[in-house]
Amino acid sequence: MSKTDEEKTYWLDNPAHIDRLYKGVMIVASILLIPALYDLFMAFYDKHAEFGLENIEHYYGFYGAIGYVLFIFIAMGLRNLLMRDENYYD
């Protein structure tokens, strides 16, 4: 006997699974925070840059912001390229 679509239950229908997922995300985020905190505490450590641009103050912040903006513009262009008419599947 197979279940109908109305009787199907999915993994995230169970509140206990949502709690596990939430706790898992928090654990992963905490683990990823460790290198950032280490870098914060080692701010007074003299790092040797590979390229001259890395010596500019806040270089990585500007690099990330410019990359983010470029990502948005590329996504907007791809949307115009890939978008279909409203009645495409009719």
PDB file of N, CA and C in Angstrom:
ATOM      1  N   MET A   1       0.843  -1.175   0.000  1.00  0.00           N
ATOM      2  CA  MET A   1       0.000   0.000   0.000  1.00  0.00           C
ATOM      3  C   MET A   1       0.890   1.241   0.000  1.00  0.00           C
ATOM      4  N   SER A   2       0.677   2.130  -0.952  1.00  0.00           N
ATOM      5  CA  SER A   2       1.492   3.343  -1.032  1.00  0.00           C
ATOM      6  C   SER A   2       0.735   4.520  -0.457  1.00  0.00           C
ATOM      7  N   LYS A   3       1.479   5.423   0.069  1.00  0.00           N
ATOM      8  CA  LYS A   3       0.867   6.627   0.652  1.00  0.00           C
ATOM      9  C   LYS A   3       0.515   7.620  -0.439  1.00  0.00           C
ATOM     10  N   THR A   4      -0.547   8.338  -0.246  1.00  0.00           N
ATOM     11  CA  THR A   4      -0.902   9.403  -1.185  1.00  0.00           C
ATOM     12  C   THR A   4      -0.126  10.651  -0.816  1.00  0.00           C
ATOM     13  N   ASP A   5      -0.231  11.667  -1.665  1.00  0.00           N
ATOM     14  CA  ASP A   5       0.495  12.905  -1.406  1.00  0.00           C
ATOM     15  C   ASP A   5       0.031  13.571  -0.116  1.00  0.00           C
ATOM     16  N   GLU A   6      -1.215  13.378   0.257  1.00  0.00           N
ATOM     17  CA  GLU A   6      -1.735  14.003   1.468  1.00  0.00           C
ATOM     18  C   GLU A   6      -1.168  13.347   2.723  1.00  0.00           C
ATOM     19  N   GLU A   7      -0.842  12.068   2.647  1.00  0.00           N
ATOM     20  CA  GLU A   7      -0.344  11.346   3.802  1.00  0.00           C
ATOM     21  C   GLU A   7       1.170  11.396   3.940  1.00  0.00           C
ATOM     22  N   LYS A   8       1.863  11.858   2.915  1.00  0.00           N
ATOM     23  CA  LYS A   8       3.323  11.886   2.957  1.00  0.00           C
ATOM     24  C   LYS A   8       3.808  12.845   4.028  1.00  0.00           C
ATOM     25  N   THR A   9       4.816  12.429   4.733  1.00  0.00           N
ATOM     26  CA  THR A   9       5.494  13.326   5.664  1.00  0.00           C
ATOM     27  C   THR A   9       6.939  13.442   5.199  1.00  0.00           C
ATOM     28  N   TYR A  10       7.448  14.605   5.328  1.00  0.00           N
ATOM     29  CA  TYR A  10       8.805  14.874   4.884  1.00  0.00           C
ATOM     30  C   TYR A  10       9.696  15.063   6.096  1.00  0.00           C
ATOM     31  N   TRP A  11      10.996  15.057   5.842  1.00  0.00           N
ATOM     32  CA  TRP A  11      11.971  15.110   6.918  1.00  0.00           C
ATOM     33  C   TRP A  11      11.822  16.369   7.766  1.00  0.00           C
ATOM     34  N   LEU A  12      11.571  17.509   7.145  1.00  0.00           N
ATOM     35  CA  LEU A  12      11.470  18.765   7.897  1.00  0.00           C
ATOM     36  C   LEU A  12      10.080  19.005   8.477  1.00  0.00           C
ATOM     37  N   ASP A  13       9.171  18.063   8.319  1.00  0.00           N
ATOM     38  CA  ASP A  13       7.864  18.177   8.970  1.00  0.00           C
ATOM     39  C   ASP A  13       7.959  17.896  10.465  1.00  0.00           C
ATOM     40  N   ASN A  14       8.985  17.186  10.861  1.00  0.00           N
ATOM     41  CA  ASN A  14       9.184  16.837  12.260  1.00  0.00           C
ATOM     42  C   ASN A  14       9.958  17.973  12.957  1.00  0.00           C
ATOM     43  N   PRO A  15       9.391  18.579  14.014  1.00  0.00           N
ATOM     44  CA  PRO A  15      10.090  19.679  14.718  1.00  0.00           C
ATOM     45  C   PRO A  15      11.441  19.268  15.298  1.00  0.00           C
ATOM     46  N   ALA A  16      11.596  18.012  15.664  1.00  0.00           N
ATOM     47  CA  ALA A  16      12.894  17.561  16.208  1.00  0.00           C
ATOM     48  C   ALA A  16      13.979  17.645  15.143  1.00  0.00           C
ATOM     49  N   HIS A  17      13.637  17.363  13.908  1.00  0.00           N
ATOM     50  CA  HIS A  17      14.621  17.456  12.823  1.00  0.00           C
ATOM     51  C   HIS A  17      15.016  18.905  12.562  1.00  0.00           C
ATOM     52  N   ILE A  18      14.067  19.811  12.686  1.00  0.00           N
ATOM     53  CA  ILE A  18      14.377  21.235  12.506  1.00  0.00           C
ATOM     54  C   ILE A  18      15.342  21.692  13.598  1.00  0.00           C
ATOM     55  N   ASP A  19      15.102  21.229  14.821  1.00  0.00           N
ATOM     56  CA  ASP A  19      16.014  21.578  15.913  1.00  0.00           C
ATOM     57  C   ASP A  19      17.417  21.034  15.661  1.00  0.00           C
ATOM     58  N   ARG A  20      17.511  19.800  15.168  1.00  0.00           N
ATOM     59  CA  ARG A  20      18.827  19.229  14.844  1.00  0.00           C
ATOM     60  C   ARG A  20      19.527  20.023  13.757  1.00  0.00           C
ATOM     61  N   LEU A  21      18.769  20.397  12.740  1.00  0.00           N
ATOM     62  CA  LEU A  21      19.341  21.181  11.646  1.00  0.00           C
ATOM     63  C   LEU A  21      19.833  22.532  12.158  1.00  0.00           C
ATOM     64  N   TYR A  22      19.038  23.183  12.981  1.00  0.00           N
ATOM     65  CA  TYR A  22      19.420  24.475  13.548  1.00  0.00           C
ATOM     66  C   TYR A  22      20.696  24.350  14.386  1.00  0.00           C
ATOM     67  N   LYS A  23      20.754  23.319  15.230  1.00  0.00           N
ATOM     68  CA  LYS A  23      21.944  23.118  16.060  1.00  0.00           C
ATOM     69  C   LYS A  23      23.161  22.800  15.206  1.00  0.00           C
ATOM     70  N   GLY A  24      22.967  22.039  14.134  1.00  0.00           N
ATOM     71  CA  GLY A  24      24.071  21.719  13.227  1.00  0.00           C
ATOM     72  C   GLY A  24      24.622  22.959  12.548  1.00  0.00           C
ATOM     73  N   VAL A  25      23.734  23.850  12.114  1.00  0.00           N
ATOM     74  CA  VAL A  25      24.173  25.100  11.485  1.00  0.00           C
ATOM     75  C   VAL A  25      24.932  25.956  12.487  1.00  0.00           C
ATOM     76  N   MET A  26      24.460  25.998  13.730  1.00  0.00           N
ATOM     77  CA  MET A  26      25.154  26.775  14.758  1.00  0.00           C
ATOM     78  C   MET A  26      26.540  26.195  15.054  1.00  0.00           C
ATOM     79  N   ILE A  27      26.659  24.886  15.053  1.00  0.00           N
ATOM     80  CA  ILE A  27      27.964  24.266  15.304  1.00  0.00           C
ATOM     81  C   ILE A  27      28.935  24.579  14.163  1.00  0.00           C
ATOM     82  N   VAL A  28      28.463  24.459  12.930  1.00  0.00           N
ATOM     83  CA  VAL A  28      29.319  24.761  11.779  1.00  0.00           C
ATOM     84  C   VAL A  28      29.730  26.233  11.793  1.00  0.00           C
ATOM     85  N   ALA A  29      28.776  27.126  12.104  1.00  0.00           N
ATOM     86  CA  ALA A  29      29.097  28.559  12.165  1.00  0.00           C
ATOM     87  C   ALA A  29      30.124  28.836  13.268  1.00  0.00           C
ATOM     88  N   SER A  30      29.993  28.158  14.390  1.00  0.00           N
ATOM     89  CA  SER A  30      30.964  28.344  15.480  1.00  0.00           C
ATOM     90  C   SER A  30      32.348  27.865  15.074  1.00  0.00           C
ATOM     91  N   ILE A  31      32.407  26.747  14.371  1.00  0.00           N
ATOM     92  CA  ILE A  31      33.699  26.231  13.923  1.00  0.00           C
ATOM     93  C   ILE A  31      34.332  27.188  12.924  1.00  0.00           C
ATOM     94  N   LEU A  32      33.515  27.758  12.048  1.00  0.00           N
ATOM     95  CA  LEU A  32      34.048  28.698  11.066  1.00  0.00           C
ATOM     96  C   LEU A  32      34.440  30.035  11.692  1.00  0.00           C
ATOM     97  N   LEU A  33      33.935  30.323  12.871  1.00  0.00           N
ATOM     98  CA  LEU A  33      34.277  31.561  13.561  1.00  0.00           C
ATOM     99  C   LEU A  33      35.671  31.506  14.183  1.00  0.00           C
ATOM    100  N   ILE A  34      36.147  30.325  14.471  1.00  0.00           N
ATOM    101  CA  ILE A  34      37.447  30.169  15.138  1.00  0.00           C
ATOM    102  C   ILE A  34      38.590  30.806  14.338  1.00  0.00           C
ATOM    103  N   PRO A  35      38.722  30.547  13.024  1.00  0.00           N
ATOM    104  CA  PRO A  35      39.814  31.209  12.291  1.00  0.00           C
ATOM    105  C   PRO A  35      39.670  32.728  12.250  1.00  0.00           C
ATOM    106  N   ALA A  36      38.430  33.218  12.205  1.00  0.00           N
ATOM    107  CA  ALA A  36      38.231  34.660  12.182  1.00  0.00           C
ATOM    108  C   ALA A  36      38.666  35.287  13.504  1.00  0.00           C
ATOM    109  N   LEU A  37      38.342  34.641  14.610  1.00  0.00           N
ATOM    110  CA  LEU A  37      38.773  35.150  15.912  1.00  0.00           C
ATOM    111  C   LEU A  37      40.286  35.071  16.057  1.00  0.00           C
ATOM    112  N   TYR A  38      40.865  33.993  15.559  1.00  0.00           N
ATOM    113  CA  TYR A  38      42.319  33.864  15.597  1.00  0.00           C
ATOM    114  C   TYR A  38      42.973  35.000  14.811  1.00  0.00           C
ATOM    115  N   ASP A  39      42.414  35.290  13.636  1.00  0.00           N
ATOM    116  CA  ASP A  39      42.951  36.373  12.810  1.00  0.00           C
ATOM    117  C   ASP A  39      42.775  37.717  13.507  1.00  0.00           C
ATOM    118  N   LEU A  40      41.667  37.888  14.234  1.00  0.00           N
ATOM    119  CA  LEU A  40      41.438  39.132  14.969  1.00  0.00           C
ATOM    120  C   LEU A  40      42.483  39.309  16.067  1.00  0.00           C
ATOM    121  N   PHE A  41      42.779  38.237  16.793  1.00  0.00           N
ATOM    122  CA  PHE A  41      43.752  38.334  17.867  1.00  0.00           C
ATOM    123  C   PHE A  41      45.180  38.447  17.341  1.00  0.00           C
ATOM    124  N   MET A  42      45.410  37.966  16.131  1.00  0.00           N
ATOM    125  CA  MET A  42      46.747  38.031  15.557  1.00  0.00           C
ATOM    126  C   MET A  42      46.914  39.275  14.669  1.00  0.00           C
ATOM    127  N   ALA A  43      46.075  40.277  14.855  1.00  0.00           N
ATOM    128  CA  ALA A  43      46.126  41.481  14.031  1.00  0.00           C
ATOM    129  C   ALA A  43      47.461  42.211  14.182  1.00  0.00           C
ATOM    130  N   PHE A  44      48.108  42.012  15.305  1.00  0.00           N
ATOM    131  CA  PHE A  44      49.369  42.706  15.531  1.00  0.00           C
ATOM    132  C   PHE A  44      50.566  41.911  15.004  1.00  0.00           C
ATOM    133  N   TYR A  45      50.295  40.757  14.457  1.00  0.00           N
ATOM    134  CA  TYR A  45      51.321  39.906  13.882  1.00  0.00           C
ATOM    135  C   TYR A  45      51.657  40.431  12.488  1.00  0.00           C
ATOM    136  N   ASP A  46      52.932  40.531  12.169  1.00  0.00           N
ATOM    137  CA  ASP A  46      53.364  41.053  10.871  1.00  0.00           C
ATOM    138  C   ASP A  46      53.185  39.984   9.805  1.00  0.00           C
ATOM    139  N   LYS A  47      52.222  40.198   8.925  1.00  0.00           N
ATOM    140  CA  LYS A  47      51.965  39.243   7.847  1.00  0.00           C
ATOM    141  C   LYS A  47      52.734  39.680   6.617  1.00  0.00           C
ATOM    142  N   HIS A  48      53.249  38.739   5.897  1.00  0.00           N
ATOM    143  CA  HIS A  48      54.004  39.039   4.695  1.00  0.00           C
ATOM    144  C   HIS A  48      53.095  38.862   3.493  1.00  0.00           C
ATOM    145  N   ALA A  49      52.847  39.946   2.785  1.00  0.00           N
ATOM    146  CA  ALA A  49      51.951  39.917   1.634  1.00  0.00           C
ATOM    147  C   ALA A  49      52.657  39.318   0.426  1.00  0.00           C
ATOM    148  N   GLU A  50      51.897  38.588  -0.358  1.00  0.00           N
ATOM    149  CA  GLU A  50      52.422  38.015  -1.595  1.00  0.00           C
ATOM    150  C   GLU A  50      52.466  39.064  -2.705  1.00  0.00           C
ATOM    151  N   PHE A  51      51.465  39.938  -2.715  1.00  0.00           N
ATOM    152  CA  PHE A  51      51.351  40.964  -3.751  1.00  0.00           C
ATOM    153  C   PHE A  51      51.310  42.335  -3.095  1.00  0.00           C
ATOM    154  N   GLY A  52      51.683  43.343  -3.846  1.00  0.00           N
ATOM    155  CA  GLY A  52      51.716  44.703  -3.311  1.00  0.00           C
ATOM    156  C   GLY A  52      50.354  45.229  -2.906  1.00  0.00           C
ATOM    157  N   LEU A  53      49.300  44.794  -3.603  1.00  0.00           N
ATOM    158  CA  LEU A  53      47.956  45.271  -3.280  1.00  0.00           C
ATOM    159  C   LEU A  53      47.510  44.859  -1.884  1.00  0.00           C
ATOM    160  N   GLU A  54      48.025  43.765  -1.399  1.00  0.00           N
ATOM    161  CA  GLU A  54      47.620  43.269  -0.085  1.00  0.00           C
ATOM    162  C   GLU A  54      48.088  44.180   1.048  1.00  0.00           C
ATOM    163  N   ASN A  55      48.998  45.062   0.774  1.00  0.00           N
ATOM    164  CA  ASN A  55      49.472  45.990   1.798  1.00  0.00           C
ATOM    165  C   ASN A  55      48.542  47.180   1.985  1.00  0.00           C
ATOM    166  N   ILE A  56      47.599  47.377   1.067  1.00  0.00           N
ATOM    167  CA  ILE A  56      46.632  48.477   1.191  1.00  0.00           C
ATOM    168  C   ILE A  56      45.706  48.172   2.363  1.00  0.00           C
ATOM    169  N   GLU A  57      45.453  49.207   3.175  1.00  0.00           N
ATOM    170  CA  GLU A  57      44.589  49.019   4.331  1.00  0.00           C
ATOM    171  C   GLU A  57      43.170  48.659   3.883  1.00  0.00           C
ATOM    172  N   HIS A  58      42.574  47.668   4.518  1.00  0.00           N
ATOM    173  CA  HIS A  58      41.210  47.174   4.222  1.00  0.00           C
ATOM    174  C   HIS A  58      41.096  46.614   2.809  1.00  0.00           C
ATOM    175  N   TYR A  59      42.170  46.114   2.263  1.00  0.00           N
ATOM    176  CA  TYR A  59      42.166  45.575   0.903  1.00  0.00           C
ATOM    177  C   TYR A  59      41.152  44.442   0.752  1.00  0.00           C
ATOM    178  N   TYR A  60      41.141  43.516   1.691  1.00  0.00           N
ATOM    179  CA  TYR A  60      40.272  42.352   1.564  1.00  0.00           C
ATOM    180  C   TYR A  60      38.803  42.735   1.673  1.00  0.00           C
ATOM    181  N   GLY A  61      38.478  43.731   2.448  1.00  0.00           N
ATOM    182  CA  GLY A  61      37.095  44.216   2.518  1.00  0.00           C
ATOM    183  C   GLY A  61      36.654  44.822   1.197  1.00  0.00           C
ATOM    184  N   PHE A  62      37.518  45.655   0.614  1.00  0.00           N
ATOM    185  CA  PHE A  62      37.185  46.246  -0.691  1.00  0.00           C
ATOM    186  C   PHE A  62      37.106  45.181  -1.777  1.00  0.00           C
ATOM    187  N   TYR A  63      38.008  44.226  -1.733  1.00  0.00           N
ATOM    188  CA  TYR A  63      38.017  43.141  -2.708  1.00  0.00           C
ATOM    189  C   TYR A  63      36.715  42.346  -2.626  1.00  0.00           C
ATOM    190  N   GLY A  64      36.273  42.047  -1.423  1.00  0.00           N
ATOM    191  CA  GLY A  64      35.027  41.310  -1.233  1.00  0.00           C
ATOM    192  C   GLY A  64      33.824  42.109  -1.679  1.00  0.00           C
ATOM    193  N   ALA A  65      33.794  43.412  -1.368  1.00  0.00           N
ATOM    194  CA  ALA A  65      32.662  44.256  -1.761  1.00  0.00           C
ATOM    195  C   ALA A  65      32.579  44.387  -3.283  1.00  0.00           C
ATOM    196  N   ILE A  66      33.707  44.577  -3.929  1.00  0.00           N
ATOM    197  CA  ILE A  66      33.718  44.685  -5.395  1.00  0.00           C
ATOM    198  C   ILE A  66      33.299  43.352  -6.020  1.00  0.00           C
ATOM    199  N   GLY A  67      33.766  42.249  -5.477  1.00  0.00           N
ATOM    200  CA  GLY A  67      33.365  40.938  -5.972  1.00  0.00           C
ATOM    201  C   GLY A  67      31.873  40.703  -5.819  1.00  0.00           C
ATOM    202  N   TYR A  68      31.304  41.140  -4.705  1.00  0.00           N
ATOM    203  CA  TYR A  68      29.869  41.001  -4.468  1.00  0.00           C
ATOM    204  C   TYR A  68      29.069  41.803  -5.482  1.00  0.00           C
ATOM    205  N   VAL A  69      29.470  43.042  -5.715  1.00  0.00           N
ATOM    206  CA  VAL A  69      28.766  43.892  -6.681  1.00  0.00           C
ATOM    207  C   VAL A  69      28.866  43.299  -8.083  1.00  0.00           C
ATOM    208  N   LEU A  70      30.030  42.812  -8.461  1.00  0.00           N
ATOM    209  CA  LEU A  70      30.185  42.175  -9.769  1.00  0.00           C
ATOM    210  C   LEU A  70      29.313  40.928  -9.878  1.00  0.00           C
ATOM    211  N   PHE A  71      29.219  40.173  -8.815  1.00  0.00           N
ATOM    212  CA  PHE A  71      28.366  38.985  -8.805  1.00  0.00           C
ATOM    213  C   PHE A  71      26.908  39.370  -9.061  1.00  0.00           C
ATOM    214  N   ILE A  72      26.433  40.437  -8.443  1.00  0.00           N
ATOM    215  CA  ILE A  72      25.053  40.892  -8.634  1.00  0.00           C
ATOM    216  C   ILE A  72      24.835  41.317 -10.083  1.00  0.00           C
ATOM    217  N   PHE A  73      25.751  42.072 -10.654  1.00  0.00           N
ATOM    218  CA  PHE A  73      25.590  42.519 -12.040  1.00  0.00           C
ATOM    219  C   PHE A  73      25.623  41.340 -13.019  1.00  0.00           C
ATOM    220  N   ILE A  74      26.474  40.385 -12.767  1.00  0.00           N
ATOM    221  CA  ILE A  74      26.521  39.198 -13.622  1.00  0.00           C
ATOM    222  C   ILE A  74      25.212  38.419 -13.508  1.00  0.00           C
ATOM    223  N   ALA A  75      24.679  38.300 -12.291  1.00  0.00           N
ATOM    224  CA  ALA A  75      23.410  37.595 -12.098  1.00  0.00           C
ATOM    225  C   ALA A  75      22.268  38.317 -12.803  1.00  0.00           C
ATOM    226  N   MET A  76      22.273  39.641 -12.776  1.00  0.00           N
ATOM    227  CA  MET A  76      21.223  40.396 -13.475  1.00  0.00           C
ATOM    228  C   MET A  76      21.319  40.167 -14.979  1.00  0.00           C
ATOM    229  N   GLY A  77      22.512  40.131 -15.508  1.00  0.00           N
ATOM    230  CA  GLY A  77      22.688  39.871 -16.929  1.00  0.00           C
ATOM    231  C   GLY A  77      22.248  38.468 -17.309  1.00  0.00           C
ATOM    232  N   LEU A  78      22.584  37.497 -16.472  1.00  0.00           N
ATOM    233  CA  LEU A  78      22.157  36.127 -16.740  1.00  0.00           C
ATOM    234  C   LEU A  78      20.641  35.993 -16.659  1.00  0.00           C
ATOM    235  N   ARG A  79      20.017  36.737 -15.770  1.00  0.00           N
ATOM    236  CA  ARG A  79      18.555  36.695 -15.662  1.00  0.00           C
ATOM    237  C   ARG A  79      17.929  37.169 -16.971  1.00  0.00           C
ATOM    238  N   ASN A  80      18.430  38.252 -17.518  1.00  0.00           N
ATOM    239  CA  ASN A  80      17.893  38.751 -18.784  1.00  0.00           C
ATOM    240  C   ASN A  80      18.143  37.767 -19.920  1.00  0.00           C
ATOM    241  N   LEU A  81      19.262  37.084 -19.866  1.00  0.00           N
ATOM    242  CA  LEU A  81      19.603  36.129 -20.911  1.00  0.00           C
ATOM    243  C   LEU A  81      18.762  34.855 -20.825  1.00  0.00           C
ATOM    244  N   LEU A  82      18.512  34.373 -19.609  1.00  0.00           N
ATOM    245  CA  LEU A  82      17.855  33.087 -19.419  1.00  0.00           C
ATOM    246  C   LEU A  82      16.352  33.173 -19.168  1.00  0.00           C
ATOM    247  N   MET A  83      15.836  34.359 -18.904  1.00  0.00           N
ATOM    248  CA  MET A  83      14.430  34.504 -18.548  1.00  0.00           C
ATOM    249  C   MET A  83      13.521  34.164 -19.735  1.00  0.00           C
ATOM    250  N   ARG A  84      12.426  33.463 -19.444  1.00  0.00           N
ATOM    251  CA  ARG A  84      11.444  33.089 -20.458  1.00  0.00           C
ATOM    252  C   ARG A  84      10.186  33.927 -20.292  1.00  0.00           C
ATOM    253  N   ASP A  85       9.347  33.902 -21.325  1.00  0.00           N
ATOM    254  CA  ASP A  85       8.072  34.609 -21.248  1.00  0.00           C
ATOM    255  C   ASP A  85       7.195  33.992 -20.166  1.00  0.00           C
ATOM    256  N   GLU A  86       6.200  34.758 -19.746  1.00  0.00           N
ATOM    257  CA  GLU A  86       5.314  34.289 -18.684  1.00  0.00           C
ATOM    258  C   GLU A  86       4.559  33.030 -19.109  1.00  0.00           C
ATOM    259  N   ASN A  87       4.169  32.929 -20.347  1.00  0.00           N
ATOM    260  CA  ASN A  87       3.398  31.788 -20.840  1.00  0.00           C
ATOM    261  C   ASN A  87       4.273  30.789 -21.604  1.00  0.00           C
ATOM    262  N   TYR A  88       5.518  30.661 -21.216  1.00  0.00           N
ATOM    263  CA  TYR A  88       6.462  29.800 -21.940  1.00  0.00           C
ATOM    264  C   TYR A  88       6.033  28.344 -21.922  1.00  0.00           C
ATOM    265  N   TYR A  89       5.511  27.850 -20.790  1.00  0.00           N
ATOM    266  CA  TYR A  89       5.171  26.441 -20.682  1.00  0.00           C
ATOM    267  C   TYR A  89       3.725  26.144 -21.086  1.00  0.00           C
ATOM    268  N   ASP A  90       2.952  27.126 -21.456  1.00  0.00           N
ATOM    269  CA  ASP A  90       1.554  26.889 -21.876  1.00  0.00           C
ATOM    270  C   ASP A  90       1.435  26.443 -23.296  1.00  0.00           C
TER     271      ASP A  90
END
